[in-house]
Protein backbone atom coordinates (compact mmCIF):
# COMPACT_ATOMS: atom_id res chain seq x y z
CA MET A 1 51.09 30.22 -11.68
CA THR A 2 52.98 27.07 -10.68
CA LYS A 3 51.49 26.96 -7.26
CA LYS A 4 48.06 27.44 -8.64
CA ASN A 5 48.33 24.49 -11.03
CA LEU A 6 49.60 22.13 -8.28
CA HIS A 7 46.59 23.42 -6.06
CA LEU A 8 44.22 22.37 -8.68
CA SER A 9 45.87 18.95 -9.38
CA SER A 10 45.64 18.16 -5.64
CA LEU A 11 41.91 18.99 -5.62
CA GLN A 12 41.30 16.80 -8.83
CA LEU A 13 43.31 13.83 -7.11
CA PHE A 14 41.18 14.14 -4.02
CA LEU A 15 37.87 14.14 -6.12
CA ALA A 16 39.23 11.13 -7.95
CA SER A 17 39.85 9.25 -4.84
CA LEU A 18 36.39 10.04 -3.36
CA PHE A 19 34.70 8.83 -6.59
CA LEU A 20 36.70 5.63 -6.38
CA VAL A 21 35.71 4.96 -2.88
CA PHE A 22 31.85 5.62 -3.59
CA SER A 23 32.23 3.39 -6.69
CA MET A 24 33.45 0.59 -4.38
CA MET A 25 30.87 1.21 -1.84
CA SER A 26 28.16 0.99 -4.66
CA ALA A 27 29.59 -2.25 -5.98
CA SER A 28 29.68 -3.70 -2.47
CA ALA A 29 26.03 -2.76 -1.98
CA GLN A 30 25.08 -4.61 -5.22
CA GLU A 31 26.93 -7.71 -3.99
CA ASP A 32 25.07 -7.50 -0.70
CA LEU A 33 21.78 -7.58 -2.45
CA THR A 34 22.37 -10.64 -4.23
CA THR A 35 24.28 -12.56 -1.51
CA SER A 36 23.06 -11.49 1.80
CA ASP A 37 20.99 -13.69 4.27
CA GLY A 38 18.03 -11.31 3.54
CA GLU A 39 17.47 -13.32 0.16
CA PRO A 40 14.26 -15.37 0.32
CA ALA A 41 14.84 -19.02 0.78
CA VAL A 42 14.24 -21.49 -1.99
CA PRO A 43 10.59 -22.45 -1.58
CA VAL A 44 10.04 -25.97 -0.33
CA GLU A 45 7.51 -27.87 -2.44
CA ALA A 46 4.77 -29.40 -0.58
CA THR A 47 4.77 -33.18 -1.04
CA THR A 48 2.41 -35.96 -0.37
CA ASP A 49 3.09 -39.69 0.35
CA ALA A 50 4.10 -41.78 -2.69
CA GLY A 51 1.10 -44.09 -2.01
CA THR A 52 -1.46 -41.24 -1.96
CA VAL A 53 -4.38 -41.78 -4.34
CA GLY A 54 -5.29 -38.83 -6.50
CA ASN A 55 -3.75 -35.73 -8.04
CA ALA A 56 -2.88 -32.95 -5.33
CA THR A 57 -2.53 -30.24 -7.90
CA GLN A 58 -6.08 -30.82 -9.47
CA GLY A 59 -7.18 -31.30 -5.73
CA GLU A 60 -6.19 -27.96 -4.82
CA ALA A 61 -8.13 -26.26 -7.62
CA LEU A 62 -11.19 -28.36 -6.59
CA PHE A 63 -10.77 -27.57 -2.91
CA LYS A 64 -10.54 -23.83 -3.53
CA ALA A 65 -13.69 -23.90 -5.82
CA ASN A 66 -15.75 -26.00 -3.52
CA CYS A 67 -14.39 -26.21 0.10
CA ALA A 68 -12.36 -23.23 0.91
CA ALA A 69 -15.35 -21.16 1.79
CA CYS A 70 -15.95 -23.35 5.05
CA HIS A 71 -12.77 -25.28 5.46
CA LYS A 72 -8.87 -24.59 5.88
CA LEU A 73 -6.20 -27.20 5.74
CA TYR A 74 -4.39 -26.66 9.12
CA LYS A 75 -7.01 -24.46 11.14
CA ARG A 76 -10.59 -24.96 12.26
CA ALA A 77 -12.98 -22.65 10.33
CA THR A 78 -16.81 -23.07 9.97
CA GLY A 79 -15.98 -26.70 9.46
CA PRO A 80 -12.92 -28.79 10.84
CA ALA A 81 -9.51 -28.63 9.48
CA LEU A 82 -9.11 -30.96 6.70
CA PHE A 83 -5.40 -31.82 6.95
CA GLN A 84 -5.00 -35.59 6.83
CA VAL A 85 -8.84 -36.15 6.90
CA SER A 86 -8.44 -39.24 4.81
CA GLN A 87 -6.50 -40.89 7.71
CA ARG A 88 -9.27 -39.92 10.33
CA HIS A 89 -12.04 -41.49 8.24
CA ASP A 90 -12.78 -44.31 6.02
CA ARG A 91 -12.45 -43.25 2.29
CA GLU A 92 -15.82 -44.82 1.40
CA TRP A 93 -17.44 -42.94 4.29
CA LEU A 94 -15.99 -39.69 2.90
CA TYR A 95 -17.32 -40.17 -0.55
CA GLU A 96 -20.89 -40.51 0.97
CA TRP A 97 -20.42 -37.61 3.41
CA ILE A 98 -19.11 -35.22 0.72
CA LYS A 99 -21.79 -36.00 -1.83
CA ASN A 100 -24.69 -35.77 0.56
CA SER A 101 -23.93 -35.20 4.14
CA ALA A 102 -27.67 -34.60 5.15
CA ALA A 103 -28.69 -37.99 4.06
CA LEU A 104 -25.81 -39.68 6.02
CA ILE A 105 -26.78 -37.68 9.14
CA ALA A 106 -30.42 -38.78 8.63
CA SER A 107 -29.42 -42.27 8.46
CA GLY A 108 -28.11 -42.03 11.99
CA ASP A 109 -24.50 -42.69 11.15
CA PRO A 110 -22.64 -42.11 14.49
CA GLU A 111 -19.55 -40.26 12.90
CA ALA A 112 -21.86 -38.06 10.81
CA VAL A 113 -24.11 -37.25 13.82
CA ALA A 114 -21.05 -36.51 15.98
CA ILE A 115 -19.51 -34.00 13.45
CA TYR A 116 -22.90 -32.45 12.91
CA ASN A 117 -23.51 -31.82 16.66
CA GLU A 118 -19.87 -30.69 17.27
CA TYR A 119 -20.05 -27.90 14.62
CA ASN A 120 -23.35 -26.40 15.91
CA GLN A 121 -25.47 -28.49 13.63
CA SER A 122 -24.19 -26.41 10.65
CA ASN A 123 -25.42 -27.99 7.48
CA MET A 124 -22.81 -28.93 4.86
CA ASN A 125 -23.39 -28.31 1.21
CA ALA A 126 -23.94 -31.41 -0.85
CA PHE A 127 -21.63 -32.03 -3.83
CA PRO A 128 -23.30 -34.72 -5.91
CA GLN A 129 -21.45 -33.40 -9.00
CA LEU A 130 -18.14 -34.55 -7.45
CA SER A 131 -17.01 -38.05 -8.73
CA ASN A 132 -14.96 -40.36 -6.56
CA SER A 133 -11.98 -39.30 -8.55
CA ASP A 134 -12.44 -35.68 -7.86
CA ILE A 135 -12.80 -36.43 -4.13
CA ASP A 136 -9.71 -38.45 -4.36
CA ASP A 137 -7.85 -35.42 -5.70
CA ILE A 138 -9.15 -33.34 -3.12
CA LEU A 139 -8.05 -35.77 -0.36
CA ALA A 140 -4.56 -35.92 -1.79
CA TYR A 141 -4.43 -32.24 -1.50
CA THR A 142 -5.49 -32.33 2.04
CA ASP A 143 -2.77 -34.71 2.90
CA THR A 144 -0.28 -32.08 1.73
CA GLU A 145 2.21 -31.42 4.68
CA PRO A 146 2.51 -27.82 5.90
CA PRO A 147 5.32 -25.82 4.36
CA VAL A 148 8.55 -26.16 6.45
CA PRO A 149 9.32 -22.83 8.21
CA THR A 150 12.24 -21.08 6.57
CA ALA A 151 14.47 -21.17 9.70
CA ALA A 152 14.13 -25.00 9.75
CA VAL A 153 15.32 -25.53 6.18
CA ALA A 154 18.64 -27.41 6.04
CA GLY A 155 21.53 -25.15 5.16
CA VAL A 156 19.96 -21.97 6.28
CA ASP A 157 22.46 -21.56 9.07
CA GLU A 158 25.36 -21.98 6.42
CA VAL A 159 23.91 -19.59 4.14
CA ALA A 160 23.37 -16.90 6.86
CA GLY A 161 26.96 -17.43 8.02
CA GLY A 162 28.20 -17.11 4.51
CA GLY A 163 26.34 -13.82 4.15
CA ALA A 164 27.64 -12.55 7.50
CA SER A 165 31.19 -13.46 6.39
CA SER A 166 30.78 -11.66 3.20
CA GLU A 167 29.38 -8.60 4.93
CA THR A 168 32.39 -8.57 7.23
CA THR A 169 34.72 -8.73 4.41
CA ASN A 170 33.12 -5.92 2.60
CA ASN A 171 33.41 -3.75 5.87
CA ILE A 172 37.20 -4.61 6.07
CA VAL A 173 37.71 -3.56 2.40
CA LEU A 174 35.78 -0.29 2.89
CA GLY A 175 37.75 0.44 6.08
CA VAL A 176 41.01 0.07 4.33
CA LEU A 177 39.87 2.18 1.36
CA ALA A 178 38.79 4.99 3.73
CA LEU A 179 42.17 4.67 5.61
CA VAL A 180 44.05 5.08 2.32
CA LEU A 181 41.76 8.02 1.48
CA ILE A 182 42.63 9.68 4.88
CA ILE A 183 46.43 9.11 4.23
CA LEU A 184 46.07 10.52 0.80
CA ILE A 185 44.38 13.74 1.97
CA VAL A 186 47.12 14.21 4.75
CA VAL A 187 49.83 13.83 2.04
CA LEU A 188 48.14 16.26 -0.21
CA PHE A 189 47.91 18.83 2.43
CA ALA A 190 51.58 18.35 3.38
CA VAL A 191 52.76 18.78 -0.20
CA ASN A 192 50.71 22.01 -0.60
CA ALA A 193 52.13 23.40 2.66
CA THR A 194 55.65 22.36 1.45
CA LEU A 195 55.10 24.20 -1.88
CA LYS A 196 54.02 27.31 -0.11
CA ARG A 197 57.07 27.48 2.09
CA PHE A 198 59.28 26.86 -1.14
CA ALA A 199 57.65 29.72 -3.00
CA ALA A 200 58.03 32.03 0.00
CA ALA A 201 61.70 31.12 0.48
CA ASN A 202 62.55 31.72 -3.09
CA GLY A 203 60.46 34.93 -3.49
CA ILE A 204 58.29 33.49 -6.09
CA GLN A 205 55.09 35.62 -6.49
CA THR A 206 51.83 33.60 -7.42
CA GLU A 207 48.69 34.86 -9.07
CA PHE A 208 46.85 34.91 -5.71
CA GLU A 209 49.43 37.45 -4.43
CA GLU A 210 49.27 39.87 -7.23
CA ASP A 211 48.15 43.36 -6.54
CA LYS A 212 44.55 43.83 -7.39
CA PRO A 213 42.35 46.89 -7.00
CA ALA A 214 40.06 46.91 -3.98
CA ARG A 215 36.55 46.03 -4.86
CA THR A 216 33.37 47.60 -3.36
CA PRO A 217 31.48 45.06 -1.18
CA ILE A 218 28.34 43.75 -2.84
CA TRP A 219 26.11 44.97 0.00
CA LYS A 220 27.53 48.54 -0.22
CA ALA A 221 27.02 48.55 -4.07
CA PHE A 222 23.58 47.23 -3.58
CA VAL A 223 22.58 50.09 -1.04
CA GLN A 224 24.04 52.69 -3.46
CA ASN A 225 21.80 51.41 -6.26
CA GLN A 226 18.27 53.02 -5.71
CA PHE A 227 16.70 51.12 -8.58
CA LEU A 228 17.76 47.72 -7.35
CA ILE A 229 16.29 48.64 -3.75
CA LEU A 230 13.10 49.62 -5.47
CA VAL A 231 12.75 46.52 -7.58
CA THR A 232 13.69 44.20 -4.54
CA ALA A 233 11.05 45.95 -2.33
CA ILE A 234 8.35 45.54 -4.97
CA PHE A 235 9.27 41.81 -5.43
CA LEU A 236 9.16 41.16 -1.69
CA LEU A 237 5.62 42.77 -1.29
CA LEU A 238 4.28 40.83 -4.25
CA ALA A 239 5.82 37.59 -2.91
CA SER A 240 4.61 38.26 0.58
CA ALA A 241 1.05 38.83 -0.73
CA TYR A 242 1.17 35.65 -2.75
CA PHE A 243 2.14 33.53 0.21
CA VAL A 244 -0.35 35.27 2.46
CA TYR A 245 -3.15 34.71 0.08
CA GLY A 246 -2.11 31.19 -0.31
CA ALA A 247 -2.06 30.63 3.43
CA PHE A 248 -5.54 32.10 3.91
CA MET A 249 -7.02 30.27 1.02
CA SER A 250 -5.63 26.86 2.46
CA VAL A 251 -7.64 27.29 5.75
CA GLY A 252 -10.07 24.45 6.23
CA VAL A 253 -8.56 22.61 2.99
CA ASP A 254 -7.33 19.28 4.07
CA GLN A 255 -6.28 17.82 0.71
CA GLY A 256 -3.63 14.89 1.36
CA TYR A 257 -4.84 14.44 4.88
CA ALA A 258 -4.11 10.75 5.63
CA PRO A 259 -4.76 10.04 9.26
CA VAL A 260 -3.53 6.72 11.09
CA GLN A 261 -6.52 4.58 11.57
CA PRO A 262 -6.91 2.20 14.53
CA ILE A 263 -7.19 -0.72 12.24
CA HIS A 264 -5.20 -0.58 9.05
CA TYR A 265 -7.32 -0.92 6.06
CA SER A 266 -5.87 -1.30 2.55
CA HIS A 267 -8.09 0.00 -0.11
CA ARG A 268 -5.24 -1.12 -2.55
CA ILE A 269 -5.85 -4.79 -1.57
CA HIS A 270 -9.77 -4.71 -1.18
CA ALA A 271 -10.67 -2.44 -4.04
CA GLY A 272 -7.78 -3.02 -6.24
CA VAL A 273 -6.39 -6.61 -5.93
CA SER A 274 -9.72 -8.07 -4.87
CA GLN A 275 -11.84 -5.70 -6.98
CA ILE A 276 -14.53 -5.27 -4.29
CA GLU A 277 -17.11 -2.93 -5.35
CA CYS A 278 -16.93 0.46 -3.31
CA LYS A 279 -20.81 0.35 -2.76
CA TYR A 280 -20.51 -3.11 -1.18
CA CYS A 281 -18.90 -1.71 1.83
CA HIS A 282 -20.24 1.87 1.45
CA SER A 283 -23.82 0.67 0.61
CA SER A 284 -25.69 3.87 1.93
CA ALA A 285 -23.97 6.03 -0.79
CA ARG A 286 -26.62 4.62 -3.17
CA GLU A 287 -29.63 6.03 -1.23
CA SER A 288 -28.36 8.48 1.53
CA LYS A 289 -26.78 11.76 1.86
CA HIS A 290 -23.79 10.04 3.53
CA SER A 291 -21.60 7.19 2.27
CA GLY A 292 -21.49 5.83 5.88
CA ILE A 293 -18.83 3.99 7.79
CA PRO A 294 -19.22 0.25 6.99
CA SER A 295 -20.26 -1.67 10.06
CA LEU A 296 -17.88 -4.43 11.04
CA ASN A 297 -20.16 -7.25 10.27
CA VAL A 298 -19.67 -6.29 6.57
CA CYS A 299 -15.94 -7.10 7.14
CA MET A 300 -16.70 -10.23 8.92
CA ASN A 301 -18.78 -11.49 5.85
CA CYS A 302 -15.34 -12.40 4.33
CA HIS A 303 -12.97 -12.42 7.42
CA LYS A 304 -14.80 -15.23 9.21
CA SER A 305 -13.05 -17.33 6.64
CA ILE A 306 -10.05 -15.13 6.02
CA ALA A 307 -7.92 -15.11 9.14
CA GLU A 308 -4.52 -14.90 7.29
CA VAL A 309 -3.31 -13.33 4.20
CA SER A 310 -1.29 -15.27 1.58
CA ASP A 311 2.58 -15.45 2.26
CA ASP A 312 3.13 -13.13 -0.74
CA THR A 313 0.86 -10.50 0.55
CA TYR A 314 2.14 -10.78 4.00
CA ALA A 315 5.82 -10.28 2.71
CA GLU A 316 4.71 -7.24 0.60
CA GLY A 317 2.94 -5.55 3.50
CA MET A 318 6.00 -6.01 5.80
CA GLU A 319 8.50 -4.90 3.19
CA GLU A 320 6.88 -2.13 1.45
CA TYR A 321 4.35 -0.67 4.03
CA GLY A 322 5.53 -2.00 7.36
CA VAL A 323 2.23 -3.57 8.11
CA ASP A 324 1.42 -6.93 9.42
CA TYR A 325 -1.96 -7.75 7.83
CA ASN A 326 -2.53 -10.66 9.97
CA LYS A 327 -2.35 -8.65 13.19
CA GLU A 328 -4.71 -6.11 11.72
CA ILE A 329 -7.32 -8.96 11.09
CA GLN A 330 -6.77 -9.96 14.75
CA LYS A 331 -7.72 -6.31 15.69
CA LEU A 332 -10.88 -6.92 13.80
CA TYR A 333 -11.57 -10.03 15.64
CA ALA A 334 -11.04 -8.41 18.97
CA ALA A 335 -13.41 -5.65 18.06
CA THR A 336 -16.28 -7.91 16.93
CA GLY A 337 -15.69 -10.32 19.64
CA TRP A 338 -14.92 -13.28 17.25
CA SER A 339 -13.23 -16.28 18.54
CA GLU A 340 -11.16 -17.92 15.84
CA ALA A 341 -10.75 -21.05 17.69
CA GLU A 342 -14.47 -21.53 18.55
CA GLN A 343 -15.79 -19.94 15.33
CA ALA A 344 -18.28 -18.08 17.22
CA TYR A 345 -18.86 -14.59 18.76
CA THR A 346 -18.05 -14.20 22.37
CA GLY A 347 -20.22 -10.93 22.95
CA GLU A 348 -17.09 -9.18 24.01
CA GLU A 349 -16.83 -6.32 21.52
CA GLU A 350 -14.56 -3.25 21.49
CA PRO A 351 -15.47 -0.02 19.69
CA VAL A 352 -13.23 1.14 16.82
CA ARG A 353 -12.64 4.75 16.96
CA TRP A 354 -12.15 5.50 13.17
CA VAL A 355 -10.74 8.89 12.22
CA ARG A 356 -12.80 10.81 9.69
CA ILE A 357 -11.01 11.89 6.53
CA HIS A 358 -13.38 13.84 4.41
CA ASN A 359 -15.36 16.61 6.23
CA LEU A 360 -17.27 19.32 4.56
CA PRO A 361 -18.21 22.42 6.69
CA ASP A 362 -21.73 22.56 7.98
CA LEU A 363 -22.75 25.42 5.65
CA ALA A 364 -22.41 23.19 2.52
CA TYR A 365 -24.95 20.46 1.50
CA PHE A 366 -23.72 17.38 -0.16
CA ASN A 367 -25.80 14.35 -1.18
CA HIS A 368 -23.99 11.11 -2.08
CA ALA A 369 -27.20 9.38 -3.72
CA GLN A 370 -27.68 12.56 -5.94
CA HIS A 371 -24.28 12.08 -7.27
CA VAL A 372 -23.70 8.35 -7.21
CA THR A 373 -27.22 7.16 -8.28
CA ALA A 374 -28.71 9.97 -10.22
CA GLY A 375 -25.60 11.45 -11.65
CA ASN A 376 -23.74 8.11 -12.22
CA ILE A 377 -20.59 9.74 -10.94
CA ASP A 378 -17.61 7.36 -10.21
CA CYS A 379 -16.24 7.31 -6.73
CA GLN A 380 -12.92 8.03 -8.16
CA THR A 381 -13.96 11.34 -9.44
CA CYS A 382 -13.97 12.93 -6.02
CA HIS A 383 -11.90 10.43 -4.04
CA GLY A 384 -9.10 9.60 -6.53
CA PRO A 385 -7.66 6.21 -7.35
CA VAL A 386 -8.80 4.54 -4.21
CA GLU A 387 -7.97 1.16 -5.63
CA GLU A 388 -4.27 2.19 -5.58
CA MET A 389 -4.23 3.75 -2.00
CA GLU A 390 -2.55 1.68 0.81
CA ILE A 391 -3.62 4.43 3.23
CA MET A 392 -6.80 6.27 2.45
CA TYR A 393 -6.31 10.27 2.15
CA GLN A 394 -8.16 13.01 0.93
CA TYR A 395 -7.40 13.17 -2.83
CA SER A 396 -9.35 16.39 -3.96
CA PRO A 397 -9.51 19.83 -2.26
CA LEU A 398 -13.30 19.75 -1.85
CA THR A 399 -13.33 23.57 -2.15
CA MET A 400 -16.30 25.76 -3.52
CA GLY A 401 -14.33 26.37 -6.71
CA TRP A 402 -13.51 22.96 -7.24
CA CYS A 403 -17.20 21.80 -6.99
CA ILE A 404 -18.26 24.67 -9.42
CA ASN A 405 -15.78 23.73 -11.96
CA CYS A 406 -17.02 20.19 -11.90
CA HIS A 407 -20.57 21.42 -12.40
CA ARG A 408 -19.46 23.47 -15.20
CA GLU A 409 -17.54 20.78 -17.01
CA THR A 410 -19.80 17.63 -16.19
CA ASN A 411 -22.31 16.69 -18.94
CA VAL A 412 -25.82 15.87 -18.14
CA ASP A 413 -26.69 12.04 -18.70
CA LEU A 414 -29.49 12.48 -21.14
CA ASP A 415 -30.44 8.71 -21.10
CA ASN A 416 -33.56 9.34 -19.01
CA GLY A 417 -37.00 9.30 -20.89
CA TYR A 418 -38.76 11.05 -18.14
CA TYR A 419 -36.66 14.24 -18.69
CA GLU A 420 -36.26 13.83 -22.48
CA GLU A 421 -38.46 16.60 -23.49
CA ILE A 422 -37.22 18.94 -20.80
CA HIS A 423 -33.68 18.32 -21.84
CA LYS A 424 -34.43 18.82 -25.54
CA GLU A 425 -36.11 22.13 -24.99
CA LEU A 426 -33.39 23.39 -22.64
CA SER A 427 -30.70 22.20 -25.23
CA GLU A 428 -32.38 24.10 -27.98
CA LYS A 429 -32.36 27.37 -25.69
CA ARG A 430 -28.54 26.86 -25.36
CA GLY A 431 -27.96 26.67 -29.10
CA GLY A 432 -28.23 22.84 -29.30
CA ARG A 433 -24.97 22.14 -27.31
CA GLN A 434 -24.51 19.34 -24.80
CA LEU A 435 -26.01 20.48 -21.41
CA THR A 436 -24.01 20.58 -18.37
CA ILE A 437 -24.88 20.47 -14.52
CA ALA A 438 -24.48 24.22 -14.61
CA ASP A 439 -27.33 24.55 -17.19
CA LEU A 440 -29.69 22.56 -14.79
CA GLY A 441 -28.99 25.06 -12.02
CA GLY A 442 -25.84 23.60 -10.64
CA LEU A 443 -24.44 27.04 -10.01
CA GLU A 444 -27.23 28.44 -7.88
CA CYS A 445 -26.43 29.20 -4.33
CA GLY A 446 -29.29 27.24 -2.88
CA LYS A 447 -28.48 24.00 -4.46
CA CYS A 448 -25.48 23.73 -1.88
CA HIS A 449 -26.27 26.40 0.75
CA TYR A 450 -29.62 26.63 2.46
């Protein structure tokens, strides 16, 4: 018994040491999260010159509401980049230009005509509702210096160096702890071996060495028990049948299928964050059998002006999804032949080979318009929470049983005066209950197979 107790104490000591090391590693990891150089730098607030007229904060709101559709601060868009525009033109001239550019061009003003011709004679909206004070606020915002890159912020090198030093110290501590643990394990094995030799030399018999009756091997006992063999055979046959049936029934079912697309498109951002209506892009779902693949000109309706995502969105894409959204927008420009610098199409287009996700067999008929327009069925009913999907995948199994269950459970929208009498008579025949699609022939074979 003495030997057994010593043996268990050694094991307990080993486990306690192991727990101590892992606890230290966890604490070290927590420290790294708060002090490493991966911590976002303190944001540098954009500042304007002390003598600038106007309120840049109010100007930002006015700029986004009136100017952002055609202008950017630091890049050319439909119109010129507006950074420090107040230093390129006289302020009084800017008042006239912003309030009514067409009148200034018609007057033959050389600056106005030159800008008009440089930007393909695109007409700028008139903003007579903006006061001179409002324009001063906008101009103050356009004088905002671009954000200083993180790498150029003073002190970054020192912070990075401190993080590296801290990481090195943590590695040294962990190395020392690991060495101590190894030495402890060696000592425990040595003590255990010494106790064994001491017991053998003194003729001490331990519990492990007591005579015990020979046991029948488990496999032999199992073979000798006919009942267990019968039960096991039945279980294996049923289990095999279950898995074989499941395998056959999953043929052609692509639930969860999420292929990699040539251009990464985030439904989470477009349908979720930006709340773009599904049928804005998939417009043919209203009137056609197919929902259709949106043409790239639909994308360019917005992305002519959106060449880059916000810094927060960019960081989220890189950290959580490993996607550079700005590069994906550049892929869109390459496919459509759009020149960001010239703000014009070059005519050099590239086809986008989208990978189809939802695909019904040819023997099944499905009409999007019948469900979306006539049935008022939400897209999410079949496609799932699209507004939460970073990568689009097949949410529903789209099997025959799944469709039939939907027809049995979906109530008919009775808010249609044309069918009011028909629905009323049919409901009375069904005992006055709410009608479902199945009551209107939704289970007939010819509805989906023809």
